[in-house]
C-alpha cells in the first residue's frame, strides 16, 4: 500500500487557475485595456516580477513590505520581493534612463502582482493590473487625460456612466488641513491620513474615536469638514484664505475640463486618500455605484517625488492601476462578460485512415487562408467525432471519407441548425464564414 502523502489539486491559496473559458475572459479584459491605452498613444512596457525589497520599503510604506509582500532571501543573501505594485518599478526604469528618454512619456503595462493578504471578494494574493502612467507633465492636463482614459475604458467595457463615478480629492488639500489648519505633528497627521483612508470600512464611532486620539477638542470641527455633502460646502468650511489654495483650484480645473470632454460623473470626495505614501497631488478612484457592489474599481494619482529615492532629478508623474479581479466581478454583475468563444471555426472529421492525408492537407490550406481549424485525431466513429465538436462549441463541421477524397465535393454542416451545404476546397471558407 502506498502511504505517500497525496498532493491536493487545489491551487495555492489566493491565486487562480485559468481554464480556457477563464483565459478567454482574461484575454477579453486585457484586449480592452490595451485598445484604449494605445488609442491615447501609450506604449507598452514590462519588467521582472522580482524586485529589490528596498524599493518598496523606501516609498510604498512599511506596512506593504512587512505585512503584505512575498519577501525572501535569495542565494546571494539579498532581500527580494515579488512585486506588490508596479509604480515603484516603472519609476526605477525611468530613473535609470532619465537623460535618454524623451519626455513626456506615456507608458502602460499589465503585470501580475502579489500581495500576502487575506483573500476576499475582489482581492486575491495574485492579480493582474493595468498600469497607466504619464511622465514629464507638470500641469493638471495629465490628470485630465488619465481620467478621460479611465472613463473611456469603462465605456468600452459597456458600463454606463450612471453605474460608476470618478471620485477625486487632492493630497495638497489634506496636507494643508492636517498640517496648517489643525497643526498636527507629522506622526498625528500620518495617523489621521490612515484613518481617512479606512473611513468607509470602519464603524462611525470607531472612526471618531480614532480621530479624537489625535485631534482632541478639534475633532468635531474636523468631522464637520470631512462630512461636507459636496465640494461647495467643503470649500465654504475652510478659511477664506484657503479657498484659493492650489489643491482647491486643481479640483475645480479638473472637473471643468472633464465636463467639456463629456465626462460628467466626477464627484469630489474629501476623505479619499489612496493608501500609498508617495501621492503628492490629485488622487482619484473609479467607484461602482451599484448598491450590492459599491466599491472602488481602480484608482491612482500624482506622484511627483518618487524619483527622489534614486537620487535623480524630479520627474512629474501621474498614473493609475486597474485590477483584473475587480473589473471582472463588476462586468459579471452587469451581465457584460463576453460569451465563451469557440476554439475553432471548423472541425474536420476523418472517416478512415486512408482519408487522413487529404483531411490534414485540407485543414492546413484553410488555416493558411485565415480559418481556425481543428482536425480529429482520435479515429473514433464519426458520430463520436461530431459529439466532440459539439461539446467544444464548434458549430461547423466537415466529414472527410473516400468519396470526398475522390470527388473533392465536401458537405459543410451547421451543428446548430442541422443544415448542410455542398462545397469545394475553394468555397468551404465562404460557407464557414456565413
Protein backbone atom coordinates (compact mmCIF):
# COMPACT_ATOMS: atom_id res chain seq x y z
CA UNK A 1 0.00 0.00 0.00
CA UNK A 2 1.31 3.44 -0.96
CA UNK A 3 1.40 5.65 2.15
CA UNK A 4 2.84 8.68 0.32
CA UNK A 5 1.06 11.93 1.03
CA UNK A 6 -1.44 12.79 -1.69
CA UNK A 7 -0.97 16.18 -3.34
CA UNK A 8 -4.04 18.41 -3.45
CA UNK A 9 -5.40 19.52 -6.82
CA UNK A 10 -6.29 22.92 -5.36
CA UNK A 11 -4.12 25.90 -6.41
CA UNK A 12 -2.13 27.85 -3.82
CA UNK A 13 -4.45 29.93 -1.61
CA UNK A 14 -5.40 33.25 -3.17
CA UNK A 15 -4.30 32.53 -6.75
CA UNK A 16 -6.24 31.24 -9.74
CA UNK A 17 -6.03 28.55 -12.38
CA UNK A 18 -7.11 29.79 -15.79
CA UNK A 19 -9.01 27.15 -17.72
CA UNK A 20 -9.69 28.01 -21.39
CA UNK A 21 -13.01 29.73 -20.63
CA UNK A 22 -11.32 31.79 -17.88
CA UNK A 23 -8.44 32.62 -20.19
CA UNK A 24 -10.88 33.84 -22.84
CA UNK A 25 -12.38 36.31 -20.35
CA UNK A 26 -8.93 37.40 -19.21
CA UNK A 27 -7.85 37.99 -22.81
CA UNK A 28 -11.00 40.00 -23.46
CA UNK A 29 -10.36 42.23 -20.44
CA UNK A 30 -6.73 42.73 -21.47
CA UNK A 31 -7.75 43.49 -25.06
CA UNK A 32 -9.98 46.38 -23.95
CA UNK A 33 -7.26 47.69 -21.63
CA UNK A 34 -4.69 47.59 -24.44
CA UNK A 35 -7.02 49.03 -27.07
CA UNK A 36 -7.96 52.11 -25.05
CA UNK A 37 -4.42 52.69 -23.73
CA UNK A 38 -2.99 52.59 -27.23
CA UNK A 39 -5.78 54.77 -28.61
CA UNK A 40 -4.41 57.53 -26.34
CA UNK A 41 -0.87 56.94 -27.66
CA UNK A 42 0.55 54.94 -24.73
CA UNK A 43 3.38 52.41 -25.30
CA UNK A 44 3.55 49.03 -23.57
CA UNK A 45 6.45 48.09 -21.25
CA UNK A 46 7.17 45.35 -18.71
CA UNK A 47 9.72 44.22 -16.12
CA UNK A 48 10.61 41.20 -13.99
CA UNK A 49 8.28 40.13 -11.22
CA UNK A 50 11.32 40.08 -8.89
CA UNK A 51 12.40 43.38 -7.30
CA UNK A 52 14.78 44.55 -4.60
CA UNK A 53 12.69 44.75 -1.41
CA UNK A 54 14.27 48.12 -0.53
CA UNK A 55 12.38 49.66 -3.44
CA UNK A 56 9.10 49.14 -1.57
CA UNK A 57 10.49 49.99 1.86
CA UNK A 58 11.52 53.39 0.51
CA UNK A 59 8.20 54.57 -0.86
CA UNK A 60 5.27 52.17 -0.66
CA UNK A 61 5.29 52.16 3.13
CA UNK A 62 6.49 49.72 5.77
CA UNK A 63 3.05 48.11 6.00
CA UNK A 64 3.33 46.94 2.40
CA UNK A 65 6.75 45.34 2.95
CA UNK A 66 6.32 43.97 6.47
CA UNK A 67 2.80 42.61 6.15
CA UNK A 68 1.79 42.28 2.52
CA UNK A 69 4.75 41.32 0.35
CA UNK A 70 6.23 37.96 -0.52
CA UNK A 71 9.78 38.84 0.53
CA UNK A 72 12.60 36.34 0.89
CA UNK A 73 16.39 35.99 0.92
CA UNK A 74 17.90 34.79 -2.35
CA UNK A 75 21.07 32.68 -2.53
CA UNK A 76 23.15 35.86 -2.52
CA UNK A 77 21.55 36.88 0.81
CA UNK A 78 19.65 39.73 -0.87
CA UNK A 79 16.11 40.77 0.14
CA UNK A 80 13.89 40.08 -2.85
CA UNK A 81 10.16 40.76 -3.25
CA UNK A 82 7.55 39.54 -5.67
CA UNK A 83 6.29 42.93 -6.85
CA UNK A 84 3.16 44.04 -4.95
CA UNK A 85 2.63 47.01 -7.28
CA UNK A 86 4.14 48.40 -10.49
CA UNK A 87 4.60 52.13 -9.82
CA UNK A 88 7.96 51.87 -7.97
CA UNK A 89 9.25 49.61 -10.76
CA UNK A 90 8.34 51.98 -13.57
CA UNK A 91 9.82 54.88 -11.57
CA UNK A 92 13.06 52.90 -11.25
CA UNK A 93 13.07 52.22 -15.00
CA UNK A 94 12.54 55.90 -15.82
CA UNK A 95 15.21 56.96 -13.32
CA UNK A 96 17.72 54.59 -14.94
CA UNK A 97 17.39 56.35 -18.31
CA UNK A 98 16.14 59.83 -17.42
CA UNK A 99 18.50 61.58 -19.83
CA UNK A 100 17.84 59.18 -22.71
CA UNK A 101 14.05 59.02 -22.64
CA UNK A 102 12.07 61.73 -24.46
CA UNK A 103 9.63 63.37 -22.03
CA UNK A 104 6.71 63.35 -21.76
CA UNK A 105 6.38 59.58 -21.69
CA UNK A 106 3.09 57.73 -21.96
CA UNK A 107 3.51 54.11 -20.84
CA UNK A 108 1.23 51.23 -19.87
CA UNK A 109 1.66 47.65 -18.67
CA UNK A 110 -0.49 44.74 -17.48
CA UNK A 111 1.75 42.98 -14.93
CA UNK A 112 0.86 40.30 -12.42
CA UNK A 113 1.24 41.47 -8.81
CA UNK A 114 1.46 39.66 -5.48
CA UNK A 115 0.15 40.63 -2.04
CA UNK A 116 0.22 38.39 1.02
CA UNK A 117 -3.20 39.23 2.45
CA UNK A 118 -6.47 37.51 3.28
CA UNK A 119 -8.22 36.53 0.04
CA UNK A 120 -11.71 38.02 -0.26
CA UNK A 121 -14.16 39.18 -2.92
CA UNK A 122 -12.31 41.36 -5.39
CA UNK A 123 -8.94 40.85 -3.70
CA UNK A 124 -6.60 37.89 -4.18
CA UNK A 125 -2.94 37.20 -3.45
CA UNK A 126 -2.08 37.35 -7.14
CA UNK A 127 -3.80 39.50 -9.72
CA UNK A 128 -3.10 41.31 -12.97
CA UNK A 129 -3.38 45.07 -13.18
CA UNK A 130 -3.43 47.64 -15.94
CA UNK A 131 -0.95 50.35 -15.02
CA UNK A 132 -1.06 53.60 -17.00
CA UNK A 133 1.38 56.45 -16.32
CA UNK A 134 2.36 59.75 -17.89
CA UNK A 135 5.77 61.23 -17.01
CA UNK A 136 7.05 64.75 -17.56
CA UNK A 137 3.83 66.80 -17.41
CA UNK A 138 3.53 69.26 -14.53
CA UNK A 139 0.11 70.63 -15.43
CA UNK A 140 -3.23 69.24 -14.36
CA UNK A 141 -3.82 68.30 -18.01
CA UNK A 142 -2.08 64.98 -17.30
CA UNK A 143 -4.74 64.12 -14.70
CA UNK A 144 -7.47 65.19 -17.11
CA UNK A 145 -6.12 62.88 -19.81
CA UNK A 146 -5.86 59.89 -17.48
CA UNK A 147 -9.34 60.41 -16.07
CA UNK A 148 -10.72 60.72 -19.60
CA UNK A 149 -8.95 57.43 -20.39
CA UNK A 150 -10.40 55.81 -17.25
CA UNK A 151 -13.88 56.84 -18.36
CA UNK A 152 -13.20 55.54 -21.88
CA UNK A 153 -12.14 52.14 -20.52
CA UNK A 154 -15.34 51.79 -18.51
CA UNK A 155 -17.45 52.76 -21.50
CA UNK A 156 -15.55 50.34 -23.76
CA UNK A 157 -16.49 47.53 -21.35
CA UNK A 158 -20.12 48.59 -21.79
CA UNK A 159 -20.54 50.12 -18.31
CA UNK A 160 -22.93 53.08 -18.32
CA UNK A 161 -21.84 56.40 -16.82
CA UNK A 162 -24.71 56.12 -14.33
CA UNK A 163 -23.19 52.90 -12.95
CA UNK A 164 -19.88 54.41 -11.87
CA UNK A 165 -18.49 57.67 -10.58
CA UNK A 166 -14.99 59.12 -10.64
CA UNK A 167 -14.16 60.21 -7.11
CA UNK A 168 -11.40 62.81 -6.75
CA UNK A 169 -9.51 64.52 -3.94
CA UNK A 170 -6.18 66.28 -3.56
CA UNK A 171 -3.41 65.38 -1.12
CA UNK A 172 -2.36 69.06 -1.14
CA UNK A 173 -5.70 69.98 0.44
CA UNK A 174 -5.48 67.23 3.06
CA UNK A 175 -1.88 68.13 3.88
CA UNK A 176 -2.91 71.78 4.32
CA UNK A 177 -5.83 70.84 6.60
CA UNK A 178 -3.79 68.49 8.79
CA UNK A 179 -0.51 70.39 8.92
CA UNK A 180 -1.55 74.04 8.79
CA UNK A 181 -5.23 74.33 9.68
CA UNK A 182 -5.17 71.79 12.53
CA UNK A 183 -1.40 71.98 13.13
CA UNK A 184 -0.90 68.28 13.77
CA UNK A 185 2.52 66.75 14.27
CA UNK A 186 3.88 64.65 11.43
CA UNK A 187 3.07 61.47 13.34
CA UNK A 188 -0.52 62.51 14.16
CA UNK A 189 -1.11 63.75 10.60
CA UNK A 190 0.03 60.38 9.27
CA UNK A 191 -2.32 58.52 11.65
CA UNK A 192 -5.30 60.70 10.67
CA UNK A 193 -4.47 60.17 6.99
CA UNK A 194 -4.58 56.42 7.55
CA UNK A 195 -7.92 56.75 9.36
CA UNK A 196 -9.38 58.75 6.48
CA UNK A 197 -8.25 56.09 4.03
CA UNK A 198 -10.23 53.48 6.01
CA UNK A 199 -13.29 55.63 6.79
CA UNK A 200 -15.64 53.61 4.55
CA UNK A 201 -14.54 50.34 6.14
CA UNK A 202 -14.92 51.11 9.86
CA UNK A 203 -17.81 51.95 12.17
CA UNK A 204 -18.52 55.68 12.59
CA UNK A 205 -17.88 55.52 16.36
CA UNK A 206 -14.51 53.80 15.84
CA UNK A 207 -13.57 56.37 13.21
CA UNK A 208 -14.45 59.26 15.55
CA UNK A 209 -12.65 57.64 18.46
CA UNK A 210 -9.50 57.28 16.34
CA UNK A 211 -9.71 60.93 15.32
CA UNK A 212 -10.18 62.06 18.91
CA UNK A 213 -6.91 60.40 19.93
CA UNK A 214 -5.07 62.72 17.55
CA UNK A 215 -7.30 65.81 17.32
CA UNK A 216 -8.69 66.04 20.88
CA UNK A 217 -11.02 69.06 21.16
CA UNK A 218 -10.72 69.80 17.41
CA UNK A 219 -12.36 66.50 16.46
CA UNK A 220 -15.87 67.93 15.95
CA UNK A 221 -14.58 70.72 13.72
CA UNK A 222 -12.61 68.22 11.65
CA UNK A 223 -15.59 65.85 11.34
CA UNK A 224 -17.84 68.68 10.16
CA UNK A 225 -15.37 69.41 7.39
CA UNK A 226 -14.95 65.74 6.44
CA UNK A 227 -18.73 65.19 6.43
CA UNK A 228 -19.39 68.01 3.94
CA UNK A 229 -22.02 66.92 1.44
CA UNK A 230 -20.34 68.39 -1.65
CA UNK A 231 -17.38 70.43 -2.88
CA UNK A 232 -19.01 73.83 -2.35
CA UNK A 233 -19.94 73.03 1.25
CA UNK A 234 -16.42 71.73 1.88
CA UNK A 235 -14.78 74.87 0.48
CA UNK A 236 -17.16 77.08 2.45
CA UNK A 237 -15.99 75.34 5.64
CA UNK A 238 -12.38 76.37 5.01
CA UNK A 239 -10.90 79.74 5.98
CA UNK A 240 -11.33 82.32 3.20
CA UNK A 241 -7.58 82.43 2.70
CA UNK A 242 -7.62 78.71 1.84
CA UNK A 243 -10.36 78.93 -0.77
CA UNK A 244 -7.80 79.86 -3.41
CA UNK A 245 -5.44 77.07 -2.32
CA UNK A 246 -3.65 75.27 -5.17
CA UNK A 247 -5.34 71.98 -4.32
CA UNK A 248 -8.82 73.55 -4.42
CA UNK A 249 -8.11 75.25 -7.76
CA UNK A 250 -6.86 71.96 -9.25
CA UNK A 251 -10.08 70.18 -8.26
CA UNK A 252 -12.11 72.92 -9.97
CA UNK A 253 -9.96 72.87 -13.10
CA UNK A 254 -10.06 69.08 -13.49
CA UNK A 255 -13.82 68.95 -13.03
CA UNK A 256 -14.47 71.75 -15.54
CA UNK A 257 -12.14 70.32 -18.19
CA UNK A 258 -13.61 66.83 -17.88
CA UNK A 259 -17.14 68.19 -18.22
CA UNK A 260 -16.13 69.83 -21.51
CA UNK A 261 -14.85 66.42 -22.65
CA UNK A 262 -18.18 64.78 -21.80
CA UNK A 263 -17.07 63.19 -18.51
CA UNK A 264 -19.73 64.41 -16.09
CA UNK A 265 -19.75 61.72 -13.37
CA UNK A 266 -16.91 63.27 -11.33
CA UNK A 267 -17.56 63.53 -7.57
CA UNK A 268 -15.35 65.37 -5.06
CA UNK A 269 -14.70 63.09 -2.05
CA UNK A 270 -12.76 64.81 0.73
CA UNK A 271 -11.96 61.57 2.60
CA UNK A 272 -10.39 59.86 -0.41
CA UNK A 273 -6.71 59.30 0.33
CA UNK A 274 -5.42 56.25 -1.56
CA UNK A 275 -3.18 54.18 0.67
CA UNK A 276 0.28 54.76 -0.72
CA UNK A 277 2.61 57.31 0.86
CA UNK A 278 4.02 58.56 -2.43
CA UNK A 279 0.99 60.52 -3.74
CA UNK A 280 1.62 64.28 -3.84
CA UNK A 281 -1.41 65.84 -5.54
CA UNK A 282 -4.69 64.78 -7.10
CA UNK A 283 -5.88 61.28 -6.19
CA UNK A 284 -8.84 59.50 -7.72
CA UNK A 285 -10.89 56.30 -7.79
CA UNK A 286 -13.44 54.87 -10.17
CA UNK A 287 -16.26 53.66 -7.96
CA UNK A 288 -19.05 51.18 -8.77
CA UNK A 289 -22.35 52.73 -7.66
CA UNK A 290 -24.48 49.56 -7.79
CA UNK A 291 -25.82 49.04 -4.20
CA UNK A 292 -24.78 45.39 -3.93
CA UNK A 293 -21.32 46.05 -5.33
CA UNK A 294 -20.35 49.50 -4.04
CA UNK A 295 -16.58 49.53 -4.11
CA UNK A 296 -13.55 51.05 -5.77
CA UNK A 297 -12.83 49.51 -9.16
CA UNK A 298 -9.50 51.23 -9.72
CA UNK A 299 -7.60 54.38 -8.83
CA UNK A 300 -4.41 56.40 -8.84
CA UNK A 301 -2.99 59.88 -8.57
CA UNK A 302 0.00 62.19 -8.92
CA UNK A 303 3.38 61.15 -7.51
CA UNK A 304 5.94 63.83 -8.38
CA UNK A 305 8.53 62.87 -5.74
CA UNK A 306 9.02 59.16 -6.39
CA UNK A 307 12.31 59.69 -8.24
CA UNK A 308 13.89 61.12 -5.07
CA UNK A 309 14.88 57.68 -3.81
CA UNK A 310 17.05 57.18 -6.90
CA UNK A 311 18.95 60.47 -6.49
CA UNK A 312 17.67 61.72 -9.86
CA UNK A 313 16.12 65.00 -10.85
CA UNK A 314 12.40 65.25 -10.16
CA UNK A 315 10.10 63.99 -12.93
CA UNK A 316 6.39 64.84 -12.50
CA UNK A 317 4.18 61.78 -12.91
CA UNK A 318 0.55 60.71 -12.77
CA UNK A 319 -0.78 57.17 -13.04
CA UNK A 320 -3.50 54.68 -12.19
CA UNK A 321 -3.92 50.94 -11.70
CA UNK A 322 -6.92 48.80 -12.63
CA UNK A 323 -7.09 45.21 -11.35
CA UNK A 324 -8.49 42.32 -13.38
CA UNK A 325 -10.32 40.68 -10.44
CA UNK A 326 -12.47 43.68 -9.55
CA UNK A 327 -13.31 44.63 -13.14
CA UNK A 328 -14.28 41.01 -13.90
CA UNK A 329 -16.61 40.99 -10.86
CA UNK A 330 -18.13 44.27 -11.98
CA UNK A 331 -18.70 43.11 -15.57
CA UNK A 332 -20.27 39.92 -14.25
CA UNK A 333 -22.60 41.97 -12.01
CA UNK A 334 -23.81 43.97 -15.02
CA UNK A 335 -24.00 40.97 -17.38
CA UNK A 336 -21.22 42.37 -19.56
CA UNK A 337 -18.86 39.40 -19.75
CA UNK A 338 -18.46 38.04 -23.30
CA UNK A 339 -19.87 34.70 -24.36
CA UNK A 340 -17.31 31.89 -24.44
CA UNK A 341 -15.71 31.88 -27.86
CA UNK A 342 -15.42 28.65 -29.85
CA UNK A 343 -11.80 27.45 -30.14
CA UNK A 344 -12.15 26.84 -33.90
CA UNK A 345 -14.27 27.86 -36.88
CA UNK A 346 -14.34 24.38 -38.37
CA UNK A 347 -13.99 20.79 -37.12
CA UNK A 348 -12.70 18.25 -39.65
CA UNK A 349 -13.97 14.72 -39.00
CA UNK A 350 -11.99 11.86 -40.58
CA UNK A 351 -13.94 8.76 -41.62
CA UNK A 352 -10.99 6.39 -42.04
CA UNK A 353 -7.19 6.23 -42.07
CA UNK A 354 -7.00 6.39 -45.86
CA UNK A 355 -8.68 9.84 -45.83
CA UNK A 356 -6.41 11.33 -43.16
CA UNK A 357 -3.73 12.64 -45.53
CA UNK A 358 -6.27 14.54 -47.62
CA UNK A 359 -8.04 15.84 -44.49
CA UNK A 360 -4.81 17.14 -42.97
CA UNK A 361 -3.84 18.82 -46.24
CA UNK A 362 -7.28 20.46 -46.47
CA UNK A 363 -7.12 21.65 -42.88
CA UNK A 364 -3.73 23.30 -43.43
CA UNK A 365 -4.87 25.05 -46.63
CA UNK A 366 -7.86 26.50 -44.76
CA UNK A 367 -5.62 27.65 -41.89
CA UNK A 368 -3.40 29.47 -44.34
CA UNK A 369 -6.50 31.31 -45.59
CA UNK A 370 -7.29 32.50 -42.04
CA UNK A 371 -9.67 29.87 -40.67
CA UNK A 372 -9.16 28.29 -37.24
CA UNK A 373 -9.38 24.55 -37.98
CA UNK A 374 -9.33 21.53 -35.65
CA UNK A 375 -8.87 18.06 -37.14
CA UNK A 376 -9.96 14.94 -35.28
CA UNK A 377 -7.05 12.72 -34.18
CA UNK A 378 -8.96 10.00 -32.33
CA UNK A 379 -10.04 7.64 -35.15
CA UNK A 380 -13.34 7.27 -33.29
CA UNK A 381 -16.67 6.72 -35.04
CA UNK A 382 -17.95 9.72 -36.98
CA UNK A 383 -20.84 10.13 -34.53
CA UNK A 384 -18.43 10.43 -31.61
CA UNK A 385 -16.28 12.90 -33.55
CA UNK A 386 -19.32 15.09 -34.17
CA UNK A 387 -20.21 14.93 -30.46
CA UNK A 388 -16.68 16.10 -29.66
CA UNK A 389 -17.08 19.09 -31.99
CA UNK A 390 -20.41 19.91 -30.38
CA UNK A 391 -19.02 19.72 -26.83
CA UNK A 392 -16.27 22.13 -27.85
CA UNK A 393 -18.91 24.51 -29.27
CA UNK A 394 -17.54 24.31 -32.80
CA UNK A 395 -20.64 24.83 -34.89
CA UNK A 396 -19.37 23.98 -38.41
CA UNK A 397 -18.01 20.55 -39.40
CA UNK A 398 -16.93 18.66 -42.50
CA UNK A 399 -16.53 14.89 -42.70
CA UNK A 400 -13.79 13.54 -44.98
CA UNK A 401 -14.03 9.99 -46.34
CA UNK A 402 -13.13 8.21 -49.56
CA UNK A 403 -15.93 9.91 -51.55
CA UNK A 404 -14.72 13.38 -50.58
CA UNK A 405 -11.13 12.44 -51.46
CA UNK A 406 -12.19 11.18 -54.92
CA UNK A 407 -14.67 13.91 -55.89
CA UNK A 408 -13.41 16.95 -53.98
CA UNK A 409 -17.03 17.65 -53.06
CA UNK A 410 -17.40 18.32 -49.34
CA UNK A 411 -20.50 18.94 -47.24
CA UNK A 412 -20.30 21.69 -44.62
CA UNK A 413 -22.74 21.05 -41.80
CA UNK A 414 -24.02 23.62 -39.28
CA UNK A 415 -24.49 21.74 -35.98
CA UNK A 416 -26.81 24.43 -34.62
CA UNK A 417 -29.33 24.37 -37.49
CA UNK A 418 -28.59 20.91 -38.93
CA UNK A 419 -28.29 22.50 -42.39
CA UNK A 420 -25.80 21.02 -44.89
CA UNK A 421 -24.33 22.72 -47.95
CA UNK A 422 -22.05 21.24 -50.57
CA UNK A 423 -18.73 22.94 -51.24
CA UNK A 424 -15.36 22.52 -52.87
CA UNK A 425 -11.97 23.25 -51.33
CA UNK A 426 -12.21 26.77 -52.73
CA UNK A 427 -15.72 27.53 -51.42
CA UNK A 428 -15.59 25.94 -47.96
CA UNK A 429 -14.25 29.11 -46.37
CA UNK A 430 -17.26 31.12 -47.61
CA UNK A 431 -19.73 28.64 -46.10
CA UNK A 432 -17.87 28.50 -42.78
CA UNK A 433 -17.87 32.29 -42.55
CA UNK A 434 -21.62 32.60 -43.23
